């Protein structure tokens, strides 16, 4: 397998941020003017492919865990503590009916995020999701299915304030 790595100009990673590559990845591309604030972490595993296009901004505490493929379009902004996982642990019931989770077997499906997106704070994006261009994802959303271009996604949660004494 051949490895392709290309890191653009004007890349900044804040304090405590890092890229960890375990084994030989398939592709690592980071475009120009990519900025990751403090404590952002990227993990890549063997055969993984990660593409981050130009002018992408990651706020503090963002995390990318890539076993398969993740692609992020240009001019995309990430709020604090956004997490992306292109995989899940495999699990099944054994012959005794006990649920077992594998620590080293995974189901993998790509994540693709379009250009000009804004992903709000504390969003988690799961495997198999495609987010179209020009999408806004509000804070605290769990994104487990694809989102068409030019959409706004909001998390509906009701606050109940009881002031009775």
Protein backbone atom coordinates (compact mmCIF):
# COMPACT_ATOMS: atom_id res chain seq x y z
CA UNK A 1 0.00 0.00 0.00
CA UNK A 2 1.29 3.46 -0.81
CA UNK A 3 0.87 6.34 1.59
CA UNK A 4 0.00 9.86 0.45
CA UNK A 5 0.71 12.74 2.80
CA UNK A 6 0.38 16.43 1.98
CA UNK A 7 0.38 19.15 4.64
CA UNK A 8 -0.38 22.67 3.45
CA UNK A 9 0.95 26.06 4.51
CA UNK A 10 -0.12 28.15 7.51
CA UNK A 11 -1.22 25.19 9.64
CA UNK A 12 -1.57 25.91 13.37
CA UNK A 13 -2.23 23.50 16.21
CA UNK A 14 -2.75 24.97 19.69
CA UNK A 15 -1.33 23.76 22.97
CA UNK A 16 -2.03 20.10 23.72
CA UNK A 17 -3.20 19.36 20.16
CA UNK A 18 -1.75 16.48 18.16
CA UNK A 19 -2.04 14.07 15.26
CA UNK A 20 -1.38 10.42 16.06
CA UNK A 21 -0.96 7.95 13.22
CA UNK A 22 -0.89 4.28 14.19
CA UNK A 23 0.76 2.25 11.47
CA UNK A 24 0.68 3.31 7.84
CA UNK A 25 -2.30 5.42 6.84
CA UNK A 26 -3.62 5.45 3.26
CA UNK A 27 -3.92 9.23 2.95
CA UNK A 28 -3.38 12.29 5.13
CA UNK A 29 -4.14 15.60 3.46
CA UNK A 30 -4.37 18.88 5.37
CA UNK A 31 -4.97 21.94 3.21
CA UNK A 32 -3.78 25.50 3.62
CA UNK A 33 -4.79 27.73 6.53
CA UNK A 34 -6.12 24.97 8.78
CA UNK A 35 -6.34 26.06 12.41
CA UNK A 36 -6.87 23.77 15.40
CA UNK A 37 -7.13 25.48 18.77
CA UNK A 38 -6.01 23.88 22.04
CA UNK A 39 -6.45 20.20 22.92
CA UNK A 40 -7.64 19.03 19.49
CA UNK A 41 -6.75 15.42 18.72
CA UNK A 42 -6.66 13.47 15.49
CA UNK A 43 -6.22 9.69 15.61
CA UNK A 44 -5.60 7.73 12.43
CA UNK A 45 -5.32 3.98 12.19
CA UNK A 46 -3.76 1.74 9.52
CA UNK A 47 -5.37 2.13 6.08
CA UNK A 48 -7.25 5.29 7.14
CA UNK A 49 -7.76 8.30 4.91
CA UNK A 50 -8.26 11.83 6.30
CA UNK A 51 -8.76 14.87 4.09
CA UNK A 52 -9.13 18.35 5.59
CA UNK A 53 -9.53 21.01 2.90
CA UNK A 54 -8.40 24.67 3.04
CA UNK A 55 -9.52 27.20 5.67
CA UNK A 56 -10.96 24.75 8.19
CA UNK A 57 -11.17 25.87 11.82
CA UNK A 58 -11.40 23.57 14.85
CA UNK A 59 -12.19 25.19 18.19
CA UNK A 60 -10.87 23.77 21.49
CA UNK A 61 -11.24 20.06 22.37
CA UNK A 62 -12.26 18.75 18.94
CA UNK A 63 -11.59 15.07 18.23
CA UNK A 64 -11.34 13.02 15.03
CA UNK A 65 -11.06 9.25 15.27
CA UNK A 66 -10.49 7.83 11.78
CA UNK A 67 -10.29 4.11 11.02
CA UNK A 68 -11.68 4.37 7.48
CA UNK A 69 -12.31 7.70 5.78
CA UNK A 70 -13.21 11.22 6.88
CA UNK A 71 -13.33 14.21 4.52
CA UNK A 72 -13.97 17.82 5.56
CA UNK A 73 -14.73 20.50 2.96
CA UNK A 74 -13.16 23.94 2.73
CA UNK A 75 -14.24 26.88 4.87
CA UNK A 76 -15.86 24.67 7.51
CA UNK A 77 -15.98 25.76 11.16
CA UNK A 78 -16.17 23.49 14.20
CA UNK A 79 -17.29 24.69 17.63
CA UNK A 80 -15.76 23.39 20.84
CA UNK A 81 -15.74 19.68 21.64
CA UNK A 82 -16.96 18.37 18.28
CA UNK A 83 -16.31 14.62 17.89
CA UNK A 84 -16.21 12.51 14.72
CA UNK A 85 -16.14 8.70 14.62
CA UNK A 86 -16.21 6.83 11.30
CA UNK A 87 -16.56 3.48 13.08
CA UNK A 88 -18.34 1.50 15.79
CA UNK A 89 -17.16 -1.49 17.78
CA UNK A 90 -18.70 -4.69 16.47
CA UNK A 91 -20.96 -6.53 18.91
CA UNK A 92 -23.12 -9.65 19.05
CA UNK A 93 -24.80 -12.07 21.40
CA UNK A 94 -22.89 -15.24 22.20
CA UNK A 95 -24.49 -18.71 22.40
CA UNK A 96 -25.51 -17.99 26.03
CA UNK A 97 -27.37 -14.81 25.02
CA UNK A 98 -24.76 -12.49 26.55
CA UNK A 99 -24.00 -9.31 24.64
CA UNK A 100 -20.30 -9.10 23.75
CA UNK A 101 -18.54 -6.00 22.43
CA UNK A 102 -15.35 -6.51 20.46
CA UNK A 103 -12.40 -4.40 21.49
CA UNK A 104 -10.60 -4.83 18.15
CA UNK A 105 -13.25 -5.42 15.45
CA UNK A 106 -15.08 -2.48 13.93
CA UNK A 107 -17.76 -1.61 11.43
CA UNK A 108 -16.54 1.34 9.36
CA UNK A 109 -18.38 3.79 7.11
CA UNK A 110 -17.06 7.16 5.80
CA UNK A 111 -17.93 10.62 7.08
CA UNK A 112 -18.10 13.40 4.49
CA UNK A 113 -18.65 17.01 5.52
CA UNK A 114 -19.25 19.53 2.74
CA UNK A 115 -17.80 22.99 2.30
CA UNK A 116 -18.94 26.16 4.10
CA UNK A 117 -20.43 24.29 7.05
CA UNK A 118 -20.69 25.38 10.67
CA UNK A 119 -20.77 22.54 13.17
CA UNK A 120 -21.75 23.84 16.63
CA UNK A 121 -20.22 22.99 20.00
CA UNK A 122 -20.60 19.51 21.50
CA UNK A 123 -21.79 17.92 18.26
CA UNK A 124 -21.00 14.23 17.65
CA UNK A 125 -20.90 12.95 14.07
CA UNK A 126 -21.15 9.18 13.59
CA UNK A 127 -20.12 6.81 10.83
CA UNK A 128 -21.87 6.81 7.49
CA UNK A 129 -22.94 10.45 7.67
CA UNK A 130 -22.73 12.80 4.70
CA UNK A 131 -23.31 16.48 5.45
CA UNK A 132 -23.96 18.59 2.36
CA UNK A 133 -22.49 22.00 1.56
CA UNK A 134 -23.64 25.13 3.43
CA UNK A 135 -25.06 23.31 6.47
CA UNK A 136 -25.36 24.59 10.03
CA UNK A 137 -25.56 22.02 12.82
CA UNK A 138 -26.62 23.48 16.16
CA UNK A 139 -24.94 22.77 19.47
CA UNK A 140 -25.39 19.41 21.24
CA UNK A 141 -26.68 17.49 18.20
CA UNK A 142 -25.97 13.80 17.65
CA UNK A 143 -25.65 13.41 13.88
CA UNK A 144 -26.37 9.80 12.97
CA UNK A 145 -27.90 10.27 9.51
CA UNK A 146 -27.04 12.36 6.47
CA UNK A 147 -28.04 16.01 6.07
CA UNK A 148 -28.79 17.62 2.69
CA UNK A 149 -27.06 20.80 1.51
CA UNK A 150 -28.36 24.20 2.63
CA UNK A 151 -29.96 22.83 5.81
CA UNK A 152 -30.02 23.93 9.43
CA UNK A 153 -30.14 21.21 12.09
CA UNK A 154 -31.33 22.08 15.59
CA UNK A 155 -31.54 19.98 18.72
CA UNK A 156 -35.00 20.30 20.25
CA UNK A 157 -34.86 20.09 23.99
CA UNK A 158 -37.26 21.60 26.43
CA UNK A 159 -36.08 23.29 29.60
CA UNK A 160 -38.43 22.93 32.54
CA UNK A 161 -37.87 25.49 35.26
CA UNK A 162 -39.75 24.86 38.46
CA UNK A 163 -39.78 27.93 40.68
CA UNK A 164 -42.35 26.70 43.17
CA UNK A 165 -41.34 26.83 46.80
